Protein backbone atom coordinates (compact mmCIF):
# COMPACT_ATOMS: atom_id res chain seq x y z
CA MET A 1 38.63 27.91 -13.86
CA PRO A 2 41.73 28.59 -15.95
CA GLU A 3 42.59 26.11 -18.67
CA PHE A 4 45.02 23.44 -17.45
CA ASP A 5 48.60 23.91 -18.62
CA PRO A 6 51.01 21.04 -17.86
CA GLU A 7 53.99 23.41 -17.84
CA LYS A 8 52.33 25.64 -15.26
CA PHE A 9 51.66 22.59 -13.10
CA GLU A 10 55.38 22.43 -12.37
CA GLU A 11 54.75 25.57 -10.31
CA LYS A 12 51.40 24.24 -9.12
CA TYR A 13 51.25 26.22 -5.88
CA VAL A 14 51.63 29.47 -7.81
CA HIS A 15 49.19 28.70 -10.62
CA TYR A 16 46.77 26.08 -9.25
CA LEU A 17 46.64 26.38 -5.47
CA THR A 18 42.88 26.99 -5.34
CA GLU A 19 42.13 24.03 -7.60
CA LEU A 20 44.39 21.72 -5.59
CA GLN A 21 42.80 22.85 -2.33
CA ARG A 22 39.38 22.08 -3.81
CA ALA A 23 40.50 18.58 -4.85
CA TYR A 24 42.07 17.82 -1.47
CA ARG A 25 38.94 19.05 0.32
CA ALA A 26 36.65 16.92 -1.89
CA ALA A 27 38.80 13.83 -1.28
CA PHE A 28 38.75 14.51 2.46
CA GLU A 29 34.95 14.82 2.49
CA TYR A 30 34.57 11.61 0.47
CA MET A 31 36.82 9.65 2.83
CA ASN A 32 35.32 11.23 5.95
CA GLU A 33 31.90 9.86 4.94
CA ARG A 34 33.32 6.32 4.72
CA TYR A 35 35.87 6.02 7.52
CA ASP A 36 36.45 7.07 11.10
CA SER A 37 36.83 10.85 11.14
CA GLU A 38 39.81 10.74 13.51
CA LEU A 39 41.68 8.45 11.13
CA VAL A 40 40.82 10.52 8.06
CA HIS A 41 41.79 13.75 9.82
CA ALA A 42 45.09 12.23 10.99
CA ILE A 43 45.94 11.05 7.47
CA ASP A 44 45.01 14.45 6.07
CA GLN A 45 47.04 16.44 8.60
CA GLN A 46 49.99 14.13 9.22
CA VAL A 47 50.57 12.41 5.88
CA LEU A 48 48.85 14.22 3.03
CA ASN A 49 50.01 17.61 4.28
CA GLU A 50 53.45 16.55 3.02
CA SER A 51 52.24 14.88 -0.17
CA GLU A 52 53.08 16.19 -3.60
CA PRO A 53 50.87 15.92 -6.69
CA PHE A 54 52.55 15.45 -10.06
CA TYR A 55 51.09 15.58 -13.55
CA GLU A 56 51.96 12.40 -15.47
CA GLY A 57 50.46 13.38 -18.82
CA ASP A 58 47.31 12.32 -20.66
CA GLY A 59 45.10 13.64 -17.83
CA ARG A 60 46.76 11.46 -15.18
CA PHE A 61 48.13 12.64 -11.86
CA ARG A 62 50.26 10.90 -9.25
CA ILE A 63 50.44 11.66 -5.55
CA GLU A 64 53.84 11.20 -3.96
CA LEU A 65 53.61 10.52 -0.23
CA PRO A 66 56.29 11.33 2.33
CA GLU A 67 58.54 8.47 3.43
CA ASN A 68 57.14 6.10 6.04
CA PRO A 69 53.58 7.45 6.20
CA ALA A 70 52.61 5.01 8.97
CA ASP A 71 55.36 6.39 11.19
CA ARG A 72 53.93 9.89 10.79
CA LEU A 73 50.51 9.01 12.23
CA GLN A 74 50.04 9.87 15.87
CA GLY A 75 46.93 9.77 18.00
CA VAL A 76 45.19 6.92 16.17
CA LEU A 77 45.53 3.18 16.52
CA ILE A 78 45.19 1.20 13.33
CA GLU A 79 46.64 -2.03 11.98
CA ALA A 80 49.26 -1.57 9.28
CA GLU A 81 47.25 -3.46 6.65
CA LYS A 82 44.13 -1.39 7.31
CA LEU A 83 46.13 1.84 7.18
CA ASP A 84 47.71 0.82 3.87
CA ALA A 85 44.28 0.07 2.40
CA VAL A 86 42.70 3.32 3.63
CA LEU A 87 45.68 5.39 2.54
CA ALA A 88 45.68 3.75 -0.91
CA GLU A 89 41.98 4.53 -1.31
CA TYR A 90 42.51 8.10 -0.12
CA VAL A 91 45.33 8.67 -2.62
CA GLU A 92 43.25 7.15 -5.41
CA ARG A 93 40.31 9.39 -4.52
CA LEU A 94 42.60 12.41 -4.43
CA GLU A 95 43.85 11.62 -7.93
CA VAL A 96 40.22 11.30 -9.09
CA GLU A 97 39.34 14.67 -7.57
CA ILE A 98 42.35 16.39 -9.11
CA ARG A 99 41.39 15.03 -12.53
CA ARG A 100 37.84 16.23 -11.98
CA VAL A 101 38.89 19.72 -10.84
CA PHE A 102 41.03 20.14 -13.94
CA GLY A 103 38.25 18.92 -16.25
CA PHE A 104 39.78 15.66 -17.42
CA GLU A 105 37.34 12.92 -18.35
CA GLY A 106 37.38 9.71 -16.41
CA GLY A 107 37.13 11.41 -13.03
CA GLU A 108 35.58 8.30 -11.45
């Protein structure tokens, strides 16, 4: 794996596409083991496909979600509170996996 460069992360899809795909896949697998696969797949394909990871500094990343993620979900029925909780956990896990892929300590 190439050494992480914060400046290169601004063009993340040019320099770090493989690493980001690995982190997204690991987060998906983690969530898929804990929640209904239809829900996890819907979040992955209908919300996270439009998400954007940003490097915040000091080994921290932030995932920006598209506006109104609940409105994007189709084909699954879920209460708003439950969706918010699952989505929050998914985003947190994704941030953990991105940190891990890039070799930052504190991946858990």
